[in-house]
Protein backbone atom coordinates (compact mmCIF):
# COMPACT_ATOMS: atom_id res chain seq x y z
CA MET A 1 39.07 -83.91 -46.01
CA ILE A 2 40.14 -85.71 -48.86
CA PHE A 3 41.37 -82.40 -50.22
CA CYS A 4 43.46 -82.13 -47.40
CA ALA A 5 44.69 -85.73 -47.65
CA ALA A 6 45.79 -85.04 -51.27
CA MET A 7 47.83 -81.85 -50.36
CA THR A 8 49.51 -83.63 -47.17
CA PRO A 9 52.82 -84.81 -48.92
CA VAL A 10 53.44 -81.25 -50.59
CA LEU A 11 52.81 -79.43 -47.54
CA THR A 12 54.84 -81.49 -45.56
CA LYS A 13 57.88 -80.72 -47.60
CA LEU A 14 56.90 -76.89 -47.46
CA TYR A 15 56.45 -76.68 -44.05
CA PRO A 16 59.12 -78.67 -41.84
CA GLU A 17 57.75 -77.06 -38.96
CA LYS A 18 54.92 -79.13 -37.08
CA ALA A 19 53.47 -75.84 -35.98
CA GLU A 20 53.71 -74.59 -39.30
CA LEU A 21 52.32 -77.67 -41.03
CA SER A 22 49.54 -78.06 -38.60
CA ILE A 23 48.14 -74.77 -39.86
CA ALA A 24 48.43 -75.49 -43.24
CA LEU A 25 46.46 -78.72 -42.94
CA LYS A 26 43.65 -77.07 -40.74
CA ARG A 27 43.58 -74.51 -43.35
CA HIS A 28 42.52 -77.32 -46.36
CA LEU A 29 39.94 -78.90 -43.99
CA ASN A 30 37.49 -76.32 -44.53
CA PHE A 31 34.32 -77.31 -46.79
CA PHE A 32 35.54 -78.07 -50.45
CA ASN A 33 33.10 -80.04 -53.19
CA THR A 34 33.71 -79.83 -56.47
CA GLU A 35 33.82 -82.47 -59.88
CA GLY A 36 36.61 -84.83 -59.43
CA ILE A 37 38.11 -84.48 -62.82
CA MET A 38 37.42 -80.80 -63.87
CA GLY A 39 38.33 -79.60 -60.45
CA CYS A 40 41.71 -80.88 -60.59
CA PRO A 41 43.33 -77.17 -61.70
CA ILE A 42 41.97 -75.81 -57.96
CA HIS A 43 44.86 -78.68 -56.69
CA GLY A 44 47.55 -77.02 -58.99
CA ILE A 45 46.45 -73.77 -58.14
CA THR A 46 46.45 -74.48 -54.73
CA ILE A 47 50.13 -75.95 -54.59
CA ALA A 48 51.45 -73.04 -56.56
CA MET A 49 50.10 -70.47 -54.17
CA GLU A 50 51.13 -72.58 -50.99
CA GLU A 51 54.42 -72.59 -52.50
CA GLU A 52 54.58 -68.86 -52.82
CA MET A 53 53.35 -68.32 -49.31
CA ALA A 54 55.94 -70.74 -47.80
CA SER A 55 58.82 -68.78 -49.62
CA GLY A 56 57.21 -65.48 -48.62
CA GLY A 57 55.62 -64.17 -51.42
CA GLU A 58 52.23 -62.61 -51.71
CA SER A 59 49.89 -65.27 -51.46
CA SER A 60 47.88 -65.46 -48.15
CA GLU A 61 45.93 -67.62 -46.16
CA VAL A 62 42.64 -65.75 -47.07
CA ALA A 63 43.84 -65.91 -50.71
CA ILE A 64 44.02 -69.65 -51.15
CA THR A 65 40.61 -70.19 -49.19
CA GLY A 66 39.01 -67.93 -51.46
CA ILE A 67 40.67 -69.03 -54.48
CA LYS A 68 39.38 -72.66 -54.02
CA THR A 69 35.92 -71.33 -52.60
CA GLY A 70 35.55 -69.27 -55.73
CA LEU A 71 36.78 -71.65 -58.51
CA MET A 72 35.01 -75.07 -57.37
CA GLY A 73 31.52 -73.96 -58.12
CA PRO A 74 32.49 -73.00 -61.82
CA LEU A 75 34.50 -76.29 -62.42
CA ALA A 76 32.02 -78.23 -60.94
CA GLY A 77 29.32 -76.74 -63.52
CA MET A 78 31.74 -77.61 -66.11
CA GLY A 79 32.77 -81.10 -65.02
CA ASP A 80 28.94 -82.05 -64.73
CA SER A 81 28.43 -80.81 -68.29
CA ILE A 82 31.24 -82.05 -69.96
CA ILE A 83 32.04 -85.26 -68.00
CA TRP A 84 28.77 -86.63 -66.64
CA ALA A 85 26.58 -85.52 -69.43
CA ALA A 86 28.78 -85.86 -72.52
CA ILE A 87 31.65 -88.09 -72.14
CA MET A 88 30.03 -91.00 -69.90
CA PRO A 89 26.58 -91.13 -72.24
CA LEU A 90 29.08 -91.27 -75.59
CA ILE A 91 31.19 -94.29 -74.13
CA MET A 92 27.80 -95.89 -73.07
CA ALA A 93 26.30 -95.87 -76.06
CA LEU A 94 29.68 -96.80 -78.19
CA PHE A 95 29.65 -100.20 -75.98
CA LEU A 96 25.76 -101.05 -75.11
CA PRO A 97 25.25 -102.64 -78.40
CA LEU A 98 27.88 -105.11 -77.52
CA ALA A 99 26.63 -105.57 -74.33
CA MET A 100 23.36 -106.37 -75.83
CA GLN A 101 24.84 -108.94 -78.23
CA GLY A 102 26.25 -110.82 -75.07
CA ASN A 103 29.98 -109.68 -76.18
CA PRO A 104 31.64 -109.15 -72.83
CA MET A 105 33.89 -106.68 -74.21
CA GLY A 106 30.70 -104.39 -74.03
CA GLY A 107 31.00 -104.31 -69.94
CA ILE A 108 34.85 -104.56 -69.77
CA LEU A 109 36.09 -101.88 -72.22
CA PRO A 110 33.91 -99.37 -70.38
CA LEU A 111 35.40 -99.99 -67.23
CA ILE A 112 39.13 -99.68 -69.12
CA LEU A 113 38.01 -96.69 -71.22
CA TYR A 114 36.53 -94.41 -68.75
CA PRO A 115 39.10 -94.44 -66.02
CA GLY A 116 41.94 -94.02 -68.61
CA ILE A 117 40.02 -91.18 -70.04
CA THR A 118 39.12 -89.37 -66.73
CA MET A 119 42.87 -90.49 -65.43
CA ALA A 120 44.61 -88.55 -68.47
CA MET A 121 42.28 -85.34 -68.30
CA GLY A 122 42.89 -85.10 -64.18
CA TYR A 123 46.45 -85.22 -64.75
CA TYR A 124 46.40 -82.67 -67.77
CA PHE A 125 44.24 -80.54 -65.73
CA TYR A 126 46.13 -80.82 -62.35
CA HIS A 127 49.63 -79.86 -63.99
CA THR A 128 48.07 -77.11 -66.10
CA GLY A 129 46.57 -75.11 -62.79
CA TYR A 130 49.78 -75.33 -61.32
CA SER A 131 51.77 -74.08 -64.45
CA VAL A 132 48.99 -71.09 -65.36
CA GLY A 133 48.68 -70.08 -61.85
CA LYS A 134 45.27 -68.71 -60.64
CA LYS A 135 45.19 -65.16 -62.68
CA SER A 136 44.76 -67.41 -65.86
CA ILE A 137 42.28 -69.81 -64.63
CA ILE A 138 40.35 -67.00 -63.77
CA GLY A 139 40.35 -65.31 -67.02
CA LEU A 140 39.60 -68.54 -68.62
CA LEU A 141 36.30 -69.09 -66.72
CA GLN A 142 35.22 -65.32 -67.38
CA ASN A 143 35.74 -65.99 -71.18
CA GLY A 144 32.63 -66.22 -72.90
CA LYS A 145 33.82 -69.28 -74.91
CA ILE A 146 33.89 -71.17 -71.39
CA LYS A 147 30.22 -70.58 -71.27
CA ASP A 148 29.86 -71.94 -75.01
CA LEU A 149 31.62 -74.94 -74.38
CA ILE A 150 29.59 -75.73 -71.21
CA GLN A 151 26.32 -75.33 -72.96
CA GLY A 152 27.16 -77.47 -76.18
CA ALA A 153 28.19 -80.12 -73.85
CA SER A 154 24.92 -80.17 -72.06
CA VAL A 155 23.05 -80.22 -75.00
CA LEU A 156 25.41 -82.97 -76.94
CA GLY A 157 24.42 -84.53 -73.47
CA LEU A 158 20.99 -84.27 -73.42
CA PHE A 159 21.05 -85.77 -77.21
CA MET A 160 22.94 -88.53 -75.97
CA MET A 161 20.59 -89.36 -72.82
CA GLY A 162 17.44 -89.06 -75.01
CA SER A 163 19.00 -91.68 -77.96
CA LEU A 164 20.07 -94.21 -75.25
CA SER A 165 16.45 -93.67 -73.78
CA ALA A 166 14.68 -94.63 -77.11
CA SER A 167 17.26 -96.81 -78.62
CA PHE A 168 17.54 -99.03 -75.26
CA VAL A 169 14.32 -98.42 -72.73
CA ASN A 170 12.24 -100.95 -74.26
CA ILE A 171 8.71 -101.14 -72.53
CA SER A 172 5.33 -102.29 -73.89
CA THR A 173 2.04 -104.02 -72.34
CA PRO A 174 0.08 -107.46 -73.38
CA PHE A 175 -3.02 -105.90 -71.77
CA THR A 176 -6.17 -106.00 -73.80
CA ILE A 177 -9.50 -104.21 -73.42
CA SER A 178 -12.62 -106.47 -73.94
CA MET A 179 -16.02 -104.94 -75.10
CA ALA A 180 -18.90 -107.32 -75.75
CA ASN A 181 -19.55 -108.44 -79.67
CA SER A 182 -16.27 -107.23 -80.25
CA THR A 183 -12.13 -108.13 -80.58
CA PRO A 184 -10.33 -107.14 -77.73
CA ILE A 185 -8.50 -104.38 -78.30
CA ALA A 186 -4.71 -104.38 -77.34
CA LEU A 187 -3.79 -101.32 -74.96
CA GLN A 188 -0.44 -100.94 -76.67
CA SER A 189 -1.84 -100.42 -80.18
CA ILE A 190 -3.79 -97.44 -78.56
CA LEU A 191 -1.01 -96.10 -77.13
CA ASP A 192 1.12 -96.49 -80.12
CA MET A 193 -1.33 -94.64 -81.91
CA MET A 194 -1.41 -91.46 -79.38
CA ALA A 195 2.51 -91.55 -79.24
CA PRO A 196 4.94 -94.32 -80.15
CA GLY A 197 7.47 -95.41 -77.10
CA LEU A 198 4.95 -93.32 -74.49
CA LEU A 199 5.60 -95.97 -71.95
CA PRO A 200 9.38 -96.00 -71.90
CA LEU A 201 9.26 -92.20 -72.17
CA ALA A 202 7.07 -92.21 -68.96
CA ALA A 203 9.52 -94.54 -67.58
CA VAL A 204 12.63 -91.95 -68.32
CA PHE A 205 10.42 -88.79 -67.23
CA GLY A 206 9.26 -90.87 -63.72
CA ILE A 207 13.02 -92.09 -62.86
CA TYR A 208 14.26 -88.20 -63.83
CA ALA A 209 11.64 -86.55 -61.45
CA PHE A 210 12.95 -88.91 -58.80
CA LEU A 211 16.29 -88.22 -59.24
CA LYS A 212 15.44 -84.21 -59.22
CA LYS A 213 13.64 -84.82 -56.22
CA LYS A 214 15.36 -87.32 -54.05
CA GLY A 215 18.88 -87.27 -55.44
CA PRO A 216 20.74 -89.92 -57.20
CA ARG A 217 19.83 -93.21 -54.84
CA TYR A 218 20.58 -95.50 -57.82
CA ASN A 219 19.74 -98.84 -55.62
CA ILE A 220 16.25 -97.19 -54.60
CA ILE A 221 16.02 -97.08 -58.22
CA LEU A 222 16.88 -100.34 -59.44
CA SER A 223 15.06 -102.03 -56.73
CA PHE A 224 11.98 -100.48 -57.39
CA ILE A 225 12.08 -101.03 -61.04
CA ILE A 226 12.77 -104.74 -60.59
CA GLY A 227 10.25 -104.89 -58.27
CA LEU A 228 7.68 -103.24 -60.16
CA SER A 229 8.81 -105.58 -63.13
CA ILE A 230 8.09 -108.66 -61.36
CA ILE A 231 4.66 -107.62 -60.05
CA THR A 232 3.05 -106.07 -63.25
CA SER A 233 4.77 -109.26 -65.43
CA LEU A 234 2.89 -111.85 -62.85
CA LEU A 235 -0.25 -109.43 -63.43
CA GLY A 236 -0.06 -109.56 -67.06
CA ILE A 237 0.15 -105.93 -67.28
CA LEU A 238 3.71 -105.19 -68.56
């Protein structure tokens, strides 16, 4: 429905007749789901194909629907790898230290920088899709360099998320184990001897497992973390 809404101003100009406009609008009410930034070339390509069909060219309704369906998956994969797994963690890594120091810019600048970057990228990809057309985009996707770019962005994103987790997730336990005729043993020291940062690592993997199984239910995750933190703090466990 959102794709159809985005296409409506263009379709209104291309199809002044009400019957033709109705058919065009219904054509773009089909299921469509892709990443919002890297998926912008699809809008540009679709507009170019609609213009061609409206002027009596080779494009057809089947071709337009097919190119949308065929491109939304590959471009979504690129967007998830580049936008959400690389650019977003990088911006977070840059400004989290400021936020931890109490500097308000640590919270304000990401809200300005991220929309600015993504809007500029979306604008560029939108017009590029319109300019190069469907054949150039398909050829670009079939190029092996695109696969290397996606893989490299994914690896960079994993490095960034690992660095953020290690630097900013801080969990320790004051719990001690008392034994007869001996000094109480701190559980944290035992965990540190096994593997430093074991509790933060367990928390990260626990949240990752939940996200993988249940999806991005961030409110549930935040509520669970807050509730667990309060309970374990009162019990003297964490």
